[in-house]
Amino acid sequence: MSAGFSLKKIKTKQTLGMKFKRMRSRLRISLLDAELETKIRAKYLEYLEESDWRSLPADAYTKGFVIRYAKFLNMDTNKALAEYKAERSIFINRTGDLILPQKTAKDFGYIITPKILIPIVSSIFVLFIFGYILFQVYGFAAAPELQVISPSNNSIVEADNIEFRGVTDQTANIFINSEKVSVSSEGKFAADIKLSKGVNIIEIKSQNKAQKEKVLTYTVEYKPKTAEATAQQNTN
């Protein structure tokens, strides 16, 4: 060694990431254990320790990571945050890069932005319109519902008239033996039918605006009482 010269060990300034890693090693904590305790993915903790600012998410998220990790490692959170801001600023100035938010929706939850929201709302609106059109087309293409509540089919009655009651679609038209019958706003209808002696064939037809129709045929037998049956009933 030349006279007048001496070796001096120069200390390398430790980055925030180095301090994180050193403190974690001192506490004998693995990255996986740190992940469980801090709820920060291990890969992001590793990025912090490596000062890999490019791989970390948006600044707002990373600040939260720094504070949470420093607190977990029993470090001064304010000092750690100040060091992070300084190092990040140096990184941006040196590289000219902006650290953009990473696509980490899986790790942090979805961030709703207009860019995401508009397509979603548009898709829902299109699906709604499509469903409405299908509903309308089905309504026109399908035959209307028709149900006769009374009387029962193949009934035998002793009176010369009978009331037919039933339900159908609210917008359908009802015809009983070709005679139009009024339908209520609830789709209910009722009509008195004059019967002829013997078997009567009653046709009930429901027809919608698309001319689709459903037809039911009922048989009602009118069997008037005989004088003998009436006398016997009066005797009883």
Protein backbone atom coordinates (compact mmCIF):
# COMPACT_ATOMS: atom_id res chain seq x y z
CA MET A 1 0.00 0.00 0.00
CA SER A 2 1.40 3.40 -0.94
CA ALA A 3 2.45 5.70 1.87
CA GLY A 4 -0.04 8.39 2.73
CA PHE A 5 -3.02 6.40 1.44
CA SER A 6 -5.53 4.42 3.45
CA LEU A 7 -8.63 2.45 2.56
CA LYS A 8 -11.92 3.76 3.78
CA LYS A 9 -15.09 1.70 3.64
CA ILE A 10 -17.86 3.70 2.03
CA LYS A 11 -21.33 2.87 3.23
CA THR A 12 -24.00 2.40 0.57
CA LYS A 13 -27.18 4.25 1.36
CA GLN A 14 -29.94 1.80 2.07
CA THR A 15 -33.17 2.14 0.15
CA LEU A 16 -36.55 1.77 1.77
CA GLY A 17 -36.85 -1.67 0.22
CA MET A 18 -33.57 -2.75 1.74
CA LYS A 19 -34.74 -1.58 5.15
CA PHE A 20 -37.98 -3.51 4.76
CA LYS A 21 -36.13 -6.67 3.78
CA ARG A 22 -33.54 -6.32 6.56
CA MET A 23 -36.21 -5.75 9.21
CA ARG A 24 -38.28 -8.71 7.97
CA SER A 25 -35.19 -10.96 8.07
CA ARG A 26 -34.31 -9.71 11.55
CA LEU A 27 -37.83 -10.62 12.72
CA ARG A 28 -37.55 -13.97 10.92
CA ILE A 29 -40.77 -13.48 9.03
CA SER A 30 -41.31 -15.08 5.61
CA LEU A 31 -43.02 -13.24 2.76
CA LEU A 32 -45.95 -15.64 3.01
CA ASP A 33 -46.38 -14.93 6.72
CA ALA A 34 -46.17 -11.20 5.99
CA GLU A 35 -48.82 -11.61 3.32
CA LEU A 36 -51.18 -13.30 5.78
CA GLU A 37 -50.70 -10.60 8.39
CA THR A 38 -50.75 -7.52 6.16
CA LYS A 39 -53.26 -8.79 3.56
CA ILE A 40 -50.84 -7.59 0.89
CA ARG A 41 -49.93 -10.07 -1.83
CA ALA A 42 -46.43 -11.52 -1.36
CA LYS A 43 -45.37 -10.45 -4.83
CA TYR A 44 -46.09 -6.80 -3.98
CA LEU A 45 -44.14 -7.10 -0.74
CA GLU A 46 -41.25 -8.45 -2.78
CA TYR A 47 -41.57 -5.54 -5.24
CA LEU A 48 -41.41 -3.14 -2.28
CA GLU A 49 -38.28 -4.80 -0.95
CA GLU A 50 -36.68 -4.66 -4.39
CA SER A 51 -37.81 -1.02 -4.92
CA ASP A 52 -39.41 -2.20 -8.16
CA TRP A 53 -41.70 0.80 -8.55
CA ARG A 54 -42.62 -0.08 -12.12
CA SER A 55 -44.23 -3.39 -11.07
CA LEU A 56 -46.18 -1.91 -8.18
CA PRO A 57 -49.74 -0.65 -8.66
CA ALA A 58 -51.01 2.93 -8.60
CA ASP A 59 -49.39 5.40 -6.23
CA ALA A 60 -52.41 5.52 -3.92
CA TYR A 61 -52.29 1.74 -3.45
CA THR A 62 -48.52 1.64 -3.00
CA LYS A 63 -48.65 4.33 -0.32
CA GLY A 64 -51.09 2.16 1.57
CA PHE A 65 -48.76 -0.82 1.18
CA VAL A 66 -45.80 1.18 2.52
CA ILE A 67 -47.70 2.37 5.58
CA ARG A 68 -49.17 -1.05 6.33
CA TYR A 69 -45.87 -2.90 5.82
CA ALA A 70 -43.87 -0.41 7.90
CA LYS A 71 -46.39 -0.66 10.72
CA PHE A 72 -46.26 -4.46 10.56
CA LEU A 73 -42.44 -4.36 10.79
CA ASN A 74 -42.55 -1.88 13.72
CA MET A 75 -40.99 0.88 11.62
CA ASP A 76 -41.78 4.61 11.60
CA THR A 77 -44.65 4.84 9.11
CA ASN A 78 -44.23 8.58 8.48
CA LYS A 79 -40.54 8.17 7.79
CA ALA A 80 -41.15 5.17 5.55
CA LEU A 81 -43.77 7.07 3.55
CA ALA A 82 -41.43 10.06 3.13
CA GLU A 83 -38.64 7.77 1.89
CA TYR A 84 -41.03 6.11 -0.55
CA LYS A 85 -42.09 9.47 -2.02
CA ALA A 86 -38.48 10.58 -2.39
CA GLU A 87 -37.33 7.35 -4.03
CA ARG A 88 -40.32 7.23 -6.33
CA SER A 89 -39.74 10.84 -7.37
CA ILE A 90 -36.06 10.08 -8.15
CA PHE A 91 -37.12 7.05 -10.18
CA ILE A 92 -39.56 9.09 -12.28
CA ASN A 93 -37.07 11.90 -12.82
CA ARG A 94 -34.32 9.49 -13.81
CA THR A 95 -36.34 7.31 -16.18
CA GLY A 96 -38.96 9.79 -17.32
CA ASP A 97 -41.52 7.06 -16.76
CA LEU A 98 -44.88 7.51 -15.17
CA ILE A 99 -45.79 4.65 -12.89
CA LEU A 100 -49.21 3.79 -14.15
CA PRO A 101 -51.78 1.72 -12.25
CA GLN A 102 -51.42 -1.97 -12.88
CA LYS A 103 -54.38 -4.12 -13.75
CA THR A 104 -54.78 -5.65 -10.32
CA ALA A 105 -58.55 -5.85 -10.00
CA LYS A 106 -58.21 -9.45 -8.86
CA ASP A 107 -55.99 -8.38 -5.97
CA PHE A 108 -57.65 -5.14 -4.89
CA GLY A 109 -61.25 -5.38 -6.10
CA TYR A 110 -62.73 -3.76 -9.18
CA ILE A 111 -62.35 -0.03 -9.67
CA ILE A 112 -65.41 1.38 -11.37
CA THR A 113 -64.47 4.07 -13.87
CA PRO A 114 -66.52 5.70 -16.65
CA LYS A 115 -64.49 3.71 -19.16
CA ILE A 116 -65.72 0.49 -17.55
CA LEU A 117 -69.15 1.68 -16.47
CA ILE A 118 -70.36 2.96 -19.86
CA PRO A 119 -69.93 -0.38 -21.72
CA ILE A 120 -71.58 -2.23 -18.83
CA VAL A 121 -74.60 0.08 -18.77
CA SER A 122 -74.83 -0.04 -22.57
CA SER A 123 -74.74 -3.85 -22.53
CA ILE A 124 -77.47 -4.01 -19.89
CA PHE A 125 -79.60 -1.58 -21.89
CA VAL A 126 -79.16 -3.61 -25.11
CA LEU A 127 -80.04 -6.84 -23.26
CA PHE A 128 -83.13 -5.17 -21.79
CA ILE A 129 -84.30 -3.99 -25.23
CA PHE A 130 -83.59 -7.40 -26.73
CA GLY A 131 -85.52 -9.13 -23.95
CA TYR A 132 -88.43 -6.74 -24.31
CA ILE A 133 -88.59 -7.37 -28.07
CA LEU A 134 -88.51 -11.13 -27.51
CA PHE A 135 -91.28 -10.80 -24.94
CA GLN A 136 -93.42 -8.83 -27.36
CA VAL A 137 -92.71 -11.21 -30.25
CA TYR A 138 -93.54 -14.21 -28.08
CA GLY A 139 -96.73 -12.51 -26.94
CA PHE A 140 -97.84 -12.04 -30.53
CA ALA A 141 -96.61 -15.40 -31.78
CA ALA A 142 -98.13 -17.50 -29.00
CA ALA A 143 -101.80 -18.28 -28.65
CA PRO A 144 -103.50 -16.54 -25.72
CA GLU A 145 -104.20 -18.34 -22.49
CA LEU A 146 -107.77 -19.54 -22.00
CA GLN A 147 -109.30 -21.26 -19.00
CA VAL A 148 -112.98 -21.96 -18.28
CA ILE A 149 -113.70 -21.87 -14.56
CA SER A 150 -117.32 -22.98 -14.78
CA PRO A 151 -119.25 -24.99 -15.74
CA SER A 152 -117.49 -28.32 -15.96
CA ASN A 153 -117.30 -29.97 -19.35
CA ASN A 154 -120.00 -32.55 -20.10
CA SER A 155 -122.30 -31.02 -17.50
CA ILE A 156 -125.99 -31.96 -17.20
CA VAL A 157 -128.28 -29.13 -16.09
CA GLU A 158 -132.01 -28.74 -15.50
CA ALA A 159 -132.20 -25.00 -16.28
CA ASP A 160 -132.42 -23.64 -19.80
CA ASN A 161 -129.48 -21.25 -19.33
CA ILE A 162 -126.02 -21.48 -17.84
CA GLU A 163 -123.26 -19.01 -16.98
CA PHE A 164 -119.83 -19.50 -18.51
CA ARG A 165 -116.98 -17.90 -16.54
CA GLY A 166 -113.27 -17.97 -17.24
CA VAL A 167 -110.00 -16.08 -17.66
CA THR A 168 -107.80 -15.17 -20.63
CA ASP A 169 -105.12 -12.64 -21.58
CA GLN A 170 -106.06 -9.07 -20.72
CA THR A 171 -105.79 -7.88 -24.32
CA ALA A 172 -107.49 -10.88 -25.93
CA ASN A 173 -111.01 -11.01 -27.37
CA ILE A 174 -113.42 -13.71 -26.23
CA PHE A 175 -116.10 -15.26 -28.43
CA ILE A 176 -118.67 -17.76 -27.18
CA ASN A 177 -120.49 -19.42 -30.08
CA SER A 178 -119.21 -16.53 -32.28
CA GLU A 179 -120.72 -13.91 -29.94
CA LYS A 180 -118.17 -11.47 -28.55
CA VAL A 181 -117.99 -11.28 -24.78
CA SER A 182 -116.45 -8.44 -22.80
CA VAL A 183 -113.18 -9.05 -20.91
CA SER A 184 -112.28 -7.22 -17.71
CA SER A 185 -108.96 -5.48 -17.09
CA GLU A 186 -107.93 -8.59 -15.16
CA GLY A 187 -108.68 -10.90 -18.09
CA LYS A 188 -111.90 -12.30 -16.58
CA PHE A 189 -115.06 -12.91 -18.58
CA ALA A 190 -118.62 -14.17 -17.92
CA ALA A 191 -121.67 -14.73 -20.10
CA ASP A 192 -125.11 -16.38 -19.79
CA ILE A 193 -125.77 -18.96 -22.51
CA LYS A 194 -129.28 -19.98 -23.54
CA LEU A 195 -129.53 -23.75 -23.88
CA SER A 196 -131.61 -25.88 -26.14
CA LYS A 197 -133.16 -29.10 -24.91
CA GLY A 198 -130.69 -31.94 -25.19
CA VAL A 199 -126.95 -31.72 -25.86
CA ASN A 200 -125.50 -28.26 -26.50
CA ILE A 201 -122.04 -27.69 -28.03
CA ILE A 202 -120.47 -24.51 -26.70
CA GLU A 203 -117.36 -23.10 -28.40
CA ILE A 204 -115.22 -20.63 -26.44
CA LYS A 205 -112.51 -18.85 -28.45
CA SER A 206 -109.82 -16.45 -27.28
CA GLN A 207 -108.04 -14.39 -29.96
CA ASN A 208 -105.13 -11.95 -29.54
CA LYS A 209 -104.07 -8.98 -31.67
CA ALA A 210 -101.83 -11.19 -33.83
CA GLN A 211 -104.90 -13.29 -34.70
CA LYS A 212 -103.51 -16.20 -32.74
CA GLU A 213 -106.31 -18.05 -31.03
CA LYS A 214 -107.13 -20.83 -28.63
CA VAL A 215 -110.45 -22.69 -28.79
CA LEU A 216 -112.16 -24.84 -26.17
CA THR A 217 -115.25 -26.90 -26.84
CA TYR A 218 -117.66 -27.70 -24.01
CA THR A 219 -120.68 -30.02 -24.00
CA VAL A 220 -123.65 -29.16 -21.80
CA GLU A 221 -126.80 -31.28 -21.73
CA TYR A 222 -130.04 -29.52 -20.86
CA LYS A 223 -132.40 -32.02 -19.19
CA PRO A 224 -135.52 -30.23 -17.98
CA LYS A 225 -137.46 -31.74 -15.12
CA THR A 226 -140.52 -33.78 -16.08
CA ALA A 227 -143.88 -33.09 -14.42
CA GLU A 228 -143.60 -36.41 -12.64
CA ALA A 229 -140.14 -35.57 -11.25
CA THR A 230 -141.38 -32.16 -10.16
CA ALA A 231 -144.41 -33.65 -8.39
CA GLN A 232 -142.25 -36.25 -6.67
CA GLN A 233 -139.83 -33.54 -5.49
CA ASN A 234 -142.72 -31.46 -4.12
CA THR A 235 -144.06 -34.53 -2.30
CA ASN A 236 -140.70 -35.11 -0.65
